[in-house]
Amino acid sequence: LLECCRNNTIKHLVYASSSSVYGLNK
């Protein structure tokens, strides 16, 4: 998807991340 965005002059990519990235954070 990133490659397609950069090769097609996409104005903005919005993507889902997750609260799971916080992992062991206290």
mmCIF file of all heavy atoms, coordinates in Angstrom:
data_MODEL
# 
_entry.id   MODEL 
# 
loop_
_atom_site.group_PDB 
_atom_site.id 
_atom_site.type_symbol 
_atom_site.label_atom_id 
_atom_site.label_alt_id 
_atom_site.label_comp_id 
_atom_site.label_asym_id 
_atom_site.label_entity_id 
_atom_site.label_seq_id 
_atom_site.pdbx_PDB_ins_code 
_atom_site.Cartn_x 
_atom_site.Cartn_y 
_atom_site.Cartn_z 
_atom_site.occupancy 
_atom_site.B_iso_or_equiv 
_atom_site.pdbx_formal_charge 
_atom_site.auth_seq_id 
_atom_site.auth_comp_id 
_atom_site.auth_asym_id 
_atom_site.auth_atom_id 
_atom_site.pdbx_PDB_model_num 
ATOM 1   N N   . LEU A 1 1  ? 0.829  -1.208 0.000  1.00 0.00 ? 1  LEU A N   1 
ATOM 2   C CA  . LEU A 1 1  ? 0.000  0.000  0.000  1.00 0.00 ? 1  LEU A CA  1 
ATOM 3   C C   . LEU A 1 1  ? 0.866  1.262  0.000  1.00 0.00 ? 1  LEU A C   1 
ATOM 4   O O   . LEU A 1 1  ? 0.591  2.217  -0.734 1.00 0.00 ? 1  LEU A O   1 
ATOM 5   C CB  . LEU A 1 1  ? -0.918 -0.025 1.219  1.00 0.00 ? 1  LEU A CB  1 
ATOM 6   C CG  . LEU A 1 1  ? -2.189 0.812  1.179  1.00 0.00 ? 1  LEU A CG  1 
ATOM 7   C CD1 . LEU A 1 1  ? -3.092 0.362  0.039  1.00 0.00 ? 1  LEU A CD1 1 
ATOM 8   C CD2 . LEU A 1 1  ? -2.920 0.697  2.502  1.00 0.00 ? 1  LEU A CD2 1 
ATOM 9   N N   . LEU A 1 2  ? 1.917  1.271  0.808  1.00 0.00 ? 2  LEU A N   1 
ATOM 10  C CA  . LEU A 1 2  ? 2.822  2.423  0.834  1.00 0.00 ? 2  LEU A CA  1 
ATOM 11  C C   . LEU A 1 2  ? 3.466  2.664  -0.529 1.00 0.00 ? 2  LEU A C   1 
ATOM 12  O O   . LEU A 1 2  ? 3.587  3.811  -0.979 1.00 0.00 ? 2  LEU A O   1 
ATOM 13  C CB  . LEU A 1 2  ? 3.911  2.210  1.891  1.00 0.00 ? 2  LEU A CB  1 
ATOM 14  C CG  . LEU A 1 2  ? 3.507  2.387  3.354  1.00 0.00 ? 2  LEU A CG  1 
ATOM 15  C CD1 . LEU A 1 2  ? 4.597  1.865  4.270  1.00 0.00 ? 2  LEU A CD1 1 
ATOM 16  C CD2 . LEU A 1 2  ? 3.213  3.848  3.669  1.00 0.00 ? 2  LEU A CD2 1 
ATOM 17  N N   . GLU A 1 3  ? 3.868  1.604  -1.182 1.00 0.00 ? 3  GLU A N   1 
ATOM 18  C CA  . GLU A 1 3  ? 4.477  1.745  -2.500 1.00 0.00 ? 3  GLU A CA  1 
ATOM 19  C C   . GLU A 1 3  ? 3.482  2.336  -3.506 1.00 0.00 ? 3  GLU A C   1 
ATOM 20  O O   . GLU A 1 3  ? 3.829  3.198  -4.308 1.00 0.00 ? 3  GLU A O   1 
ATOM 21  C CB  . GLU A 1 3  ? 4.981  0.386  -2.987 1.00 0.00 ? 3  GLU A CB  1 
ATOM 22  C CG  . GLU A 1 3  ? 6.345  0.006  -2.465 1.00 0.00 ? 3  GLU A CG  1 
ATOM 23  C CD  . GLU A 1 3  ? 7.431  0.876  -3.081 1.00 0.00 ? 3  GLU A CD  1 
ATOM 24  O OE1 . GLU A 1 3  ? 7.790  0.645  -4.248 1.00 0.00 ? 3  GLU A OE1 1 
ATOM 25  O OE2 . GLU A 1 3  ? 7.914  1.803  -2.397 1.00 0.00 ? 3  GLU A OE2 1 
ATOM 26  N N   . CYS A 1 4  ? 2.244  1.868  -3.447 1.00 0.00 ? 4  CYS A N   1 
ATOM 27  C CA  . CYS A 1 4  ? 1.217  2.411  -4.348 1.00 0.00 ? 4  CYS A CA  1 
ATOM 28  C C   . CYS A 1 4  ? 0.957  3.886  -4.039 1.00 0.00 ? 4  CYS A C   1 
ATOM 29  O O   . CYS A 1 4  ? 0.757  4.691  -4.954 1.00 0.00 ? 4  CYS A O   1 
ATOM 30  C CB  . CYS A 1 4  ? -0.072 1.610  -4.219 1.00 0.00 ? 4  CYS A CB  1 
ATOM 31  S SG  . CYS A 1 4  ? -0.013 -0.002 -5.023 1.00 0.00 ? 4  CYS A SG  1 
ATOM 32  N N   . CYS A 1 5  ? 0.954  4.244  -2.766 1.00 0.00 ? 5  CYS A N   1 
ATOM 33  C CA  . CYS A 1 5  ? 0.730  5.645  -2.395 1.00 0.00 ? 5  CYS A CA  1 
ATOM 34  C C   . CYS A 1 5  ? 1.830  6.553  -2.941 1.00 0.00 ? 5  CYS A C   1 
ATOM 35  O O   . CYS A 1 5  ? 1.570  7.607  -3.514 1.00 0.00 ? 5  CYS A O   1 
ATOM 36  C CB  . CYS A 1 5  ? 0.659  5.783  -0.874 1.00 0.00 ? 5  CYS A CB  1 
ATOM 37  S SG  . CYS A 1 5  ? -0.854 5.151  -0.128 1.00 0.00 ? 5  CYS A SG  1 
ATOM 38  N N   . ARG A 1 6  ? 3.064  6.133  -2.778 1.00 0.00 ? 6  ARG A N   1 
ATOM 39  C CA  . ARG A 1 6  ? 4.167  7.007  -3.191 1.00 0.00 ? 6  ARG A CA  1 
ATOM 40  C C   . ARG A 1 6  ? 4.301  7.065  -4.713 1.00 0.00 ? 6  ARG A C   1 
ATOM 41  O O   . ARG A 1 6  ? 4.773  8.059  -5.262 1.00 0.00 ? 6  ARG A O   1 
ATOM 42  C CB  . ARG A 1 6  ? 5.457  6.584  -2.521 1.00 0.00 ? 6  ARG A CB  1 
ATOM 43  C CG  . ARG A 1 6  ? 6.067  5.290  -2.999 1.00 0.00 ? 6  ARG A CG  1 
ATOM 44  C CD  . ARG A 1 6  ? 7.340  5.564  -3.795 1.00 0.00 ? 6  ARG A CD  1 
ATOM 45  N NE  . ARG A 1 6  ? 8.140  4.357  -3.951 1.00 0.00 ? 6  ARG A NE  1 
ATOM 46  C CZ  . ARG A 1 6  ? 9.258  4.333  -4.650 1.00 0.00 ? 6  ARG A CZ  1 
ATOM 47  N NH1 . ARG A 1 6  ? 9.704  5.407  -5.252 1.00 0.00 ? 6  ARG A NH1 1 
ATOM 48  N NH2 . ARG A 1 6  ? 9.933  3.199  -4.756 1.00 0.00 ? 6  ARG A NH2 1 
ATOM 49  N N   . ASN A 1 7  ? 3.866  6.028  -5.413 1.00 0.00 ? 7  ASN A N   1 
ATOM 50  C CA  . ASN A 1 7  ? 3.958  6.019  -6.872 1.00 0.00 ? 7  ASN A CA  1 
ATOM 51  C C   . ASN A 1 7  ? 2.761  6.663  -7.556 1.00 0.00 ? 7  ASN A C   1 
ATOM 52  O O   . ASN A 1 7  ? 2.752  6.798  -8.792 1.00 0.00 ? 7  ASN A O   1 
ATOM 53  C CB  . ASN A 1 7  ? 4.117  4.584  -7.383 1.00 0.00 ? 7  ASN A CB  1 
ATOM 54  C CG  . ASN A 1 7  ? 5.492  4.015  -7.099 1.00 0.00 ? 7  ASN A CG  1 
ATOM 55  O OD1 . ASN A 1 7  ? 6.490  4.719  -7.198 1.00 0.00 ? 7  ASN A OD1 1 
ATOM 56  N ND2 . ASN A 1 7  ? 5.551  2.736  -6.741 1.00 0.00 ? 7  ASN A ND2 1 
ATOM 57  N N   . ASN A 1 8  ? 1.746  7.050  -6.772 1.00 0.00 ? 8  ASN A N   1 
ATOM 58  C CA  . ASN A 1 8  ? 0.529  7.612  -7.364 1.00 0.00 ? 8  ASN A CA  1 
ATOM 59  C C   . ASN A 1 8  ? 0.150  8.958  -6.751 1.00 0.00 ? 8  ASN A C   1 
ATOM 60  O O   . ASN A 1 8  ? -1.002 9.377  -6.842 1.00 0.00 ? 8  ASN A O   1 
ATOM 61  C CB  . ASN A 1 8  ? -0.623 6.620  -7.214 1.00 0.00 ? 8  ASN A CB  1 
ATOM 62  C CG  . ASN A 1 8  ? -0.465 5.402  -8.104 1.00 0.00 ? 8  ASN A CG  1 
ATOM 63  O OD1 . ASN A 1 8  ? -0.870 5.410  -9.265 1.00 0.00 ? 8  ASN A OD1 1 
ATOM 64  N ND2 . ASN A 1 8  ? 0.140  4.350  -7.570 1.00 0.00 ? 8  ASN A ND2 1 
ATOM 65  N N   . THR A 1 9  ? 1.073  9.621  -6.148 1.00 0.00 ? 9  THR A N   1 
ATOM 66  C CA  . THR A 1 9  ? 0.894  10.978 -5.622 1.00 0.00 ? 9  THR A CA  1 
ATOM 67  C C   . THR A 1 9  ? -0.334 11.092 -4.730 1.00 0.00 ? 9  THR A C   1 
ATOM 68  O O   . THR A 1 9  ? -1.176 11.986 -4.899 1.00 0.00 ? 9  THR A O   1 
ATOM 69  C CB  . THR A 1 9  ? 0.800  12.011 -6.776 1.00 0.00 ? 9  THR A CB  1 
ATOM 70  O OG1 . THR A 1 9  ? 1.681  11.639 -7.830 1.00 0.00 ? 9  THR A OG1 1 
ATOM 71  C CG2 . THR A 1 9  ? 1.197  13.391 -6.271 1.00 0.00 ? 9  THR A CG2 1 
ATOM 72  N N   . ILE A 1 10 ? -0.466 10.157 -3.796 1.00 0.00 ? 10 ILE A N   1 
ATOM 73  C CA  . ILE A 1 10 ? -1.573 10.201 -2.842 1.00 0.00 ? 10 ILE A CA  1 
ATOM 74  C C   . ILE A 1 10 ? -1.371 11.388 -1.898 1.00 0.00 ? 10 ILE A C   1 
ATOM 75  O O   . ILE A 1 10 ? -0.274 11.625 -1.392 1.00 0.00 ? 10 ILE A O   1 
ATOM 76  C CB  . ILE A 1 10 ? -1.652 8.879  -2.050 1.00 0.00 ? 10 ILE A CB  1 
ATOM 77  C CG1 . ILE A 1 10 ? -1.918 7.708  -3.004 1.00 0.00 ? 10 ILE A CG1 1 
ATOM 78  C CG2 . ILE A 1 10 ? -2.734 8.953  -0.976 1.00 0.00 ? 10 ILE A CG2 1 
ATOM 79  C CD1 . ILE A 1 10 ? -3.175 7.818  -3.821 1.00 0.00 ? 10 ILE A CD1 1 
ATOM 80  N N   . LYS A 1 11 ? -2.447 12.113 -1.634 1.00 0.00 ? 11 LYS A N   1 
ATOM 81  C CA  . LYS A 1 11 ? -2.352 13.323 -0.813 1.00 0.00 ? 11 LYS A CA  1 
ATOM 82  C C   . LYS A 1 11 ? -2.260 13.029 0.680  1.00 0.00 ? 11 LYS A C   1 
ATOM 83  O O   . LYS A 1 11 ? -1.753 13.848 1.447  1.00 0.00 ? 11 LYS A O   1 
ATOM 84  C CB  . LYS A 1 11 ? -3.560 14.231 -1.091 1.00 0.00 ? 11 LYS A CB  1 
ATOM 85  C CG  . LYS A 1 11 ? -3.637 14.731 -2.525 1.00 0.00 ? 11 LYS A CG  1 
ATOM 86  C CD  . LYS A 1 11 ? -4.930 15.496 -2.777 1.00 0.00 ? 11 LYS A CD  1 
ATOM 87  C CE  . LYS A 1 11 ? -5.042 15.925 -4.236 1.00 0.00 ? 11 LYS A CE  1 
ATOM 88  N NZ  . LYS A 1 11 ? -6.362 16.574 -4.501 1.00 0.00 ? 11 LYS A NZ  1 
ATOM 89  N N   . HIS A 1 12 ? -2.755 11.863 1.105  1.00 0.00 ? 12 HIS A N   1 
ATOM 90  C CA  . HIS A 1 12 ? -2.771 11.561 2.533  1.00 0.00 ? 12 HIS A CA  1 
ATOM 91  C C   . HIS A 1 12 ? -3.092 10.084 2.727  1.00 0.00 ? 12 HIS A C   1 
ATOM 92  O O   . HIS A 1 12 ? -4.048 9.568  2.136  1.00 0.00 ? 12 HIS A O   1 
ATOM 93  C CB  . HIS A 1 12 ? -3.830 12.416 3.245  1.00 0.00 ? 12 HIS A CB  1 
ATOM 94  C CG  . HIS A 1 12 ? -3.784 12.371 4.738  1.00 0.00 ? 12 HIS A CG  1 
ATOM 95  N ND1 . HIS A 1 12 ? -4.831 12.839 5.524  1.00 0.00 ? 12 HIS A ND1 1 
ATOM 96  C CD2 . HIS A 1 12 ? -2.858 11.915 5.618  1.00 0.00 ? 12 HIS A CD2 1 
ATOM 97  C CE1 . HIS A 1 12 ? -4.526 12.692 6.796  1.00 0.00 ? 12 HIS A CE1 1 
ATOM 98  N NE2 . HIS A 1 12 ? -3.343 12.122 6.883  1.00 0.00 ? 12 HIS A NE2 1 
ATOM 99  N N   . LEU A 1 13 ? -2.299 9.407  3.533  1.00 0.00 ? 13 LEU A N   1 
ATOM 100 C CA  . LEU A 1 13 ? -2.590 8.045  3.959  1.00 0.00 ? 13 LEU A CA  1 
ATOM 101 C C   . LEU A 1 13 ? -2.939 8.063  5.438  1.00 0.00 ? 13 LEU A C   1 
ATOM 102 O O   . LEU A 1 13 ? -2.141 8.498  6.272  1.00 0.00 ? 13 LEU A O   1 
ATOM 103 C CB  . LEU A 1 13 ? -1.382 7.126  3.730  1.00 0.00 ? 13 LEU A CB  1 
ATOM 104 C CG  . LEU A 1 13 ? -1.442 5.754  4.417  1.00 0.00 ? 13 LEU A CG  1 
ATOM 105 C CD1 . LEU A 1 13 ? -2.577 4.905  3.847  1.00 0.00 ? 13 LEU A CD1 1 
ATOM 106 C CD2 . LEU A 1 13 ? -0.105 5.018  4.293  1.00 0.00 ? 13 LEU A CD2 1 
ATOM 107 N N   . VAL A 1 14 ? -4.144 7.603  5.763  1.00 0.00 ? 14 VAL A N   1 
ATOM 108 C CA  . VAL A 1 14 ? -4.573 7.422  7.152  1.00 0.00 ? 14 VAL A CA  1 
ATOM 109 C C   . VAL A 1 14 ? -4.657 5.921  7.386  1.00 0.00 ? 14 VAL A C   1 
ATOM 110 O O   . VAL A 1 14 ? -5.221 5.194  6.565  1.00 0.00 ? 14 VAL A O   1 
ATOM 111 C CB  . VAL A 1 14 ? -5.948 8.082  7.403  1.00 0.00 ? 14 VAL A CB  1 
ATOM 112 C CG1 . VAL A 1 14 ? -6.421 7.818  8.823  1.00 0.00 ? 14 VAL A CG1 1 
ATOM 113 C CG2 . VAL A 1 14 ? -5.871 9.574  7.123  1.00 0.00 ? 14 VAL A CG2 1 
ATOM 114 N N   . TYR A 1 15 ? -4.095 5.438  8.497  1.00 0.00 ? 15 TYR A N   1 
ATOM 115 C CA  . TYR A 1 15 ? -4.076 3.996  8.716  1.00 0.00 ? 15 TYR A CA  1 
ATOM 116 C C   . TYR A 1 15 ? -4.359 3.674  10.184 1.00 0.00 ? 15 TYR A C   1 
ATOM 117 O O   . TYR A 1 15 ? -4.068 4.464  11.082 1.00 0.00 ? 15 TYR A O   1 
ATOM 118 C CB  . TYR A 1 15 ? -2.723 3.392  8.299  1.00 0.00 ? 15 TYR A CB  1 
ATOM 119 C CG  . TYR A 1 15 ? -1.541 3.942  9.067  1.00 0.00 ? 15 TYR A CG  1 
ATOM 120 C CD1 . TYR A 1 15 ? -1.041 3.278  10.185 1.00 0.00 ? 15 TYR A CD1 1 
ATOM 121 C CD2 . TYR A 1 15 ? -0.931 5.139  8.686  1.00 0.00 ? 15 TYR A CD2 1 
ATOM 122 C CE1 . TYR A 1 15 ? 0.028  3.794  10.897 1.00 0.00 ? 15 TYR A CE1 1 
ATOM 123 C CE2 . TYR A 1 15 ? 0.144  5.657  9.382  1.00 0.00 ? 15 TYR A CE2 1 
ATOM 124 C CZ  . TYR A 1 15 ? 0.617  4.981  10.492 1.00 0.00 ? 15 TYR A CZ  1 
ATOM 125 O OH  . TYR A 1 15 ? 1.672  5.500  11.208 1.00 0.00 ? 15 TYR A OH  1 
ATOM 126 N N   . ALA A 1 16 ? -4.944 2.501  10.383 1.00 0.00 ? 16 ALA A N   1 
ATOM 127 C CA  . ALA A 1 16 ? -5.269 2.042  11.731 1.00 0.00 ? 16 ALA A CA  1 
ATOM 128 C C   . ALA A 1 16 ? -4.039 1.450  12.391 1.00 0.00 ? 16 ALA A C   1 
ATOM 129 O O   . ALA A 1 16 ? -3.435 0.508  11.879 1.00 0.00 ? 16 ALA A O   1 
ATOM 130 C CB  . ALA A 1 16 ? -6.379 1.001  11.680 1.00 0.00 ? 16 ALA A CB  1 
ATOM 131 N N   . SER A 1 17 ? -3.683 2.009  13.544 1.00 0.00 ? 17 SER A N   1 
ATOM 132 C CA  . SER A 1 17 ? -2.740 1.363  14.436 1.00 0.00 ? 17 SER A CA  1 
ATOM 133 C C   . SER A 1 17 ? -3.574 0.783  15.575 1.00 0.00 ? 17 SER A C   1 
ATOM 134 O O   . SER A 1 17 ? -4.733 0.441  15.370 1.00 0.00 ? 17 SER A O   1 
ATOM 135 C CB  . SER A 1 17 ? -1.679 2.351  14.924 1.00 0.00 ? 17 SER A CB  1 
ATOM 136 O OG  . SER A 1 17 ? -0.704 1.686  15.704 1.00 0.00 ? 17 SER A OG  1 
ATOM 137 N N   . SER A 1 18 ? -3.028 0.672  16.765 1.00 0.00 ? 18 SER A N   1 
ATOM 138 C CA  . SER A 1 18 ? -3.774 0.035  17.855 1.00 0.00 ? 18 SER A CA  1 
ATOM 139 C C   . SER A 1 18 ? -3.227 0.443  19.206 1.00 0.00 ? 18 SER A C   1 
ATOM 140 O O   . SER A 1 18 ? -2.019 0.702  19.357 1.00 0.00 ? 18 SER A O   1 
ATOM 141 C CB  . SER A 1 18 ? -3.673 -1.490 17.712 1.00 0.00 ? 18 SER A CB  1 
ATOM 142 O OG  . SER A 1 18 ? -4.164 -2.149 18.854 1.00 0.00 ? 18 SER A OG  1 
ATOM 143 N N   . SER A 1 19 ? -4.091 0.463  20.202 1.00 0.00 ? 19 SER A N   1 
ATOM 144 C CA  . SER A 1 19 ? -3.638 0.691  21.576 1.00 0.00 ? 19 SER A CA  1 
ATOM 145 C C   . SER A 1 19 ? -2.733 -0.436 22.046 1.00 0.00 ? 19 SER A C   1 
ATOM 146 O O   . SER A 1 19 ? -1.990 -0.283 23.021 1.00 0.00 ? 19 SER A O   1 
ATOM 147 C CB  . SER A 1 19 ? -4.839 0.817  22.523 1.00 0.00 ? 19 SER A CB  1 
ATOM 148 O OG  . SER A 1 19 ? -5.590 -0.388 22.551 1.00 0.00 ? 19 SER A OG  1 
ATOM 149 N N   . SER A 1 20 ? -2.762 -1.568 21.346 1.00 0.00 ? 20 SER A N   1 
ATOM 150 C CA  . SER A 1 20 ? -1.909 -2.694 21.725 1.00 0.00 ? 20 SER A CA  1 
ATOM 151 C C   . SER A 1 20 ? -0.425 -2.355 21.661 1.00 0.00 ? 20 SER A C   1 
ATOM 152 O O   . SER A 1 20 ? 0.391  -3.024 22.305 1.00 0.00 ? 20 SER A O   1 
ATOM 153 C CB  . SER A 1 20 ? -2.182 -3.889 20.807 1.00 0.00 ? 20 SER A CB  1 
ATOM 154 O OG  . SER A 1 20 ? -3.508 -4.336 20.918 1.00 0.00 ? 20 SER A OG  1 
ATOM 155 N N   . VAL A 1 21 ? -0.062 -1.326 20.902 1.00 0.00 ? 21 VAL A N   1 
ATOM 156 C CA  . VAL A 1 21 ? 1.366  -0.987 20.787 1.00 0.00 ? 21 VAL A CA  1 
ATOM 157 C C   . VAL A 1 21 ? 1.955  -0.565 22.130 1.00 0.00 ? 21 VAL A C   1 
ATOM 158 O O   . VAL A 1 21 ? 3.174  -0.615 22.316 1.00 0.00 ? 21 VAL A O   1 
ATOM 159 C CB  . VAL A 1 21 ? 1.621  0.124  19.733 1.00 0.00 ? 21 VAL A CB  1 
ATOM 160 C CG1 . VAL A 1 21 ? 1.136  -0.314 18.357 1.00 0.00 ? 21 VAL A CG1 1 
ATOM 161 C CG2 . VAL A 1 21 ? 1.006  1.449  20.150 1.00 0.00 ? 21 VAL A CG2 1 
ATOM 162 N N   . TYR A 1 22 ? 1.111  -0.141 23.082 1.00 0.00 ? 22 TYR A N   1 
ATOM 163 C CA  . TYR A 1 22 ? 1.628  0.311  24.371 1.00 0.00 ? 22 TYR A CA  1 
ATOM 164 C C   . TYR A 1 22 ? 2.163  -0.843 25.226 1.00 0.00 ? 22 TYR A C   1 
ATOM 165 O O   . TYR A 1 22 ? 2.932  -0.613 26.157 1.00 0.00 ? 22 TYR A O   1 
ATOM 166 C CB  . TYR A 1 22 ? 0.556  1.103  25.128 1.00 0.00 ? 22 TYR A CB  1 
ATOM 167 C CG  . TYR A 1 22 ? 0.280  2.437  24.483 1.00 0.00 ? 22 TYR A CG  1 
ATOM 168 C CD1 . TYR A 1 22 ? -0.877 2.651  23.733 1.00 0.00 ? 22 TYR A CD1 1 
ATOM 169 C CD2 . TYR A 1 22 ? 1.190  3.479  24.590 1.00 0.00 ? 22 TYR A CD2 1 
ATOM 170 C CE1 . TYR A 1 22 ? -1.114 3.872  23.116 1.00 0.00 ? 22 TYR A CE1 1 
ATOM 171 C CE2 . TYR A 1 22 ? 0.955  4.702  23.967 1.00 0.00 ? 22 TYR A CE2 1 
ATOM 172 C CZ  . TYR A 1 22 ? -0.201 4.893  23.232 1.00 0.00 ? 22 TYR A CZ  1 
ATOM 173 O OH  . TYR A 1 22 ? -0.427 6.104  22.616 1.00 0.00 ? 22 TYR A OH  1 
ATOM 174 N N   . GLY A 1 23 ? 1.762  -2.073 24.926 1.00 0.00 ? 23 GLY A N   1 
ATOM 175 C CA  . GLY A 1 23 ? 2.381  -3.250 25.514 1.00 0.00 ? 23 GLY A CA  1 
ATOM 176 C C   . GLY A 1 23 ? 2.569  -3.197 27.008 1.00 0.00 ? 23 GLY A C   1 
ATOM 177 O O   . GLY A 1 23 ? 1.607  -3.078 27.777 1.00 0.00 ? 23 GLY A O   1 
ATOM 178 N N   . LEU A 1 24 ? 3.836  -3.282 27.442 1.00 0.00 ? 24 LEU A N   1 
ATOM 179 C CA  . LEU A 1 24 ? 4.159  -3.337 28.865 1.00 0.00 ? 24 LEU A CA  1 
ATOM 180 C C   . LEU A 1 24 ? 4.229  -1.968 29.534 1.00 0.00 ? 24 LEU A C   1 
ATOM 181 O O   . LEU A 1 24 ? 4.603  -1.884 30.706 1.00 0.00 ? 24 LEU A O   1 
ATOM 182 C CB  . LEU A 1 24 ? 5.497  -4.075 29.058 1.00 0.00 ? 24 LEU A CB  1 
ATOM 183 C CG  . LEU A 1 24 ? 5.496  -5.566 28.691 1.00 0.00 ? 24 LEU A CG  1 
ATOM 184 C CD1 . LEU A 1 24 ? 6.900  -6.149 28.830 1.00 0.00 ? 24 LEU A CD1 1 
ATOM 185 C CD2 . LEU A 1 24 ? 4.509  -6.353 29.544 1.00 0.00 ? 24 LEU A CD2 1 
ATOM 186 N N   . ASN A 1 25 ? 3.876  -0.911 28.816 1.00 0.00 ? 25 ASN A N   1 
ATOM 187 C CA  . ASN A 1 25 ? 3.898  0.427  29.429 1.00 0.00 ? 25 ASN A CA  1 
ATOM 188 C C   . ASN A 1 25 ? 3.041  0.456  30.695 1.00 0.00 ? 25 ASN A C   1 
ATOM 189 O O   . ASN A 1 25 ? 1.921  -0.066 30.716 1.00 0.00 ? 25 ASN A O   1 
ATOM 190 C CB  . ASN A 1 25 ? 3.370  1.478  28.451 1.00 0.00 ? 25 ASN A CB  1 
ATOM 191 C CG  . ASN A 1 25 ? 4.348  1.778  27.333 1.00 0.00 ? 25 ASN A CG  1 
ATOM 192 O OD1 . ASN A 1 25 ? 5.230  0.972  27.045 1.00 0.00 ? 25 ASN A OD1 1 
ATOM 193 N ND2 . ASN A 1 25 ? 4.204  2.917  26.696 1.00 0.00 ? 25 ASN A ND2 1 
ATOM 194 N N   . LYS A 1 26 ? 3.544  1.072  31.726 1.00 0.00 ? 26 LYS A N   1 
ATOM 195 C CA  . LYS A 1 26 ? 2.823  1.163  32.996 1.00 0.00 ? 26 LYS A CA  1 
ATOM 196 C C   . LYS A 1 26 ? 2.284  2.569  33.263 1.00 0.00 ? 26 LYS A C   1 
ATOM 197 O O   . LYS A 1 26 ? 1.330  2.727  34.028 1.00 0.00 ? 26 LYS A O   1 
ATOM 198 C CB  . LYS A 1 26 ? 3.735  0.741  34.152 1.00 0.00 ? 26 LYS A CB  1 
ATOM 199 C CG  . LYS A 1 26 ? 4.203  -0.714 34.073 1.00 0.00 ? 26 LYS A CG  1 
ATOM 200 C CD  . LYS A 1 26 ? 3.042  -1.691 34.132 1.00 0.00 ? 26 LYS A CD  1 
ATOM 201 C CE  . LYS A 1 26 ? 3.521  -3.126 34.115 1.00 0.00 ? 26 LYS A CE  1 
ATOM 202 N NZ  . LYS A 1 26 ? 2.387  -4.096 34.064 1.00 0.00 ? 26 LYS A NZ  1 
# 
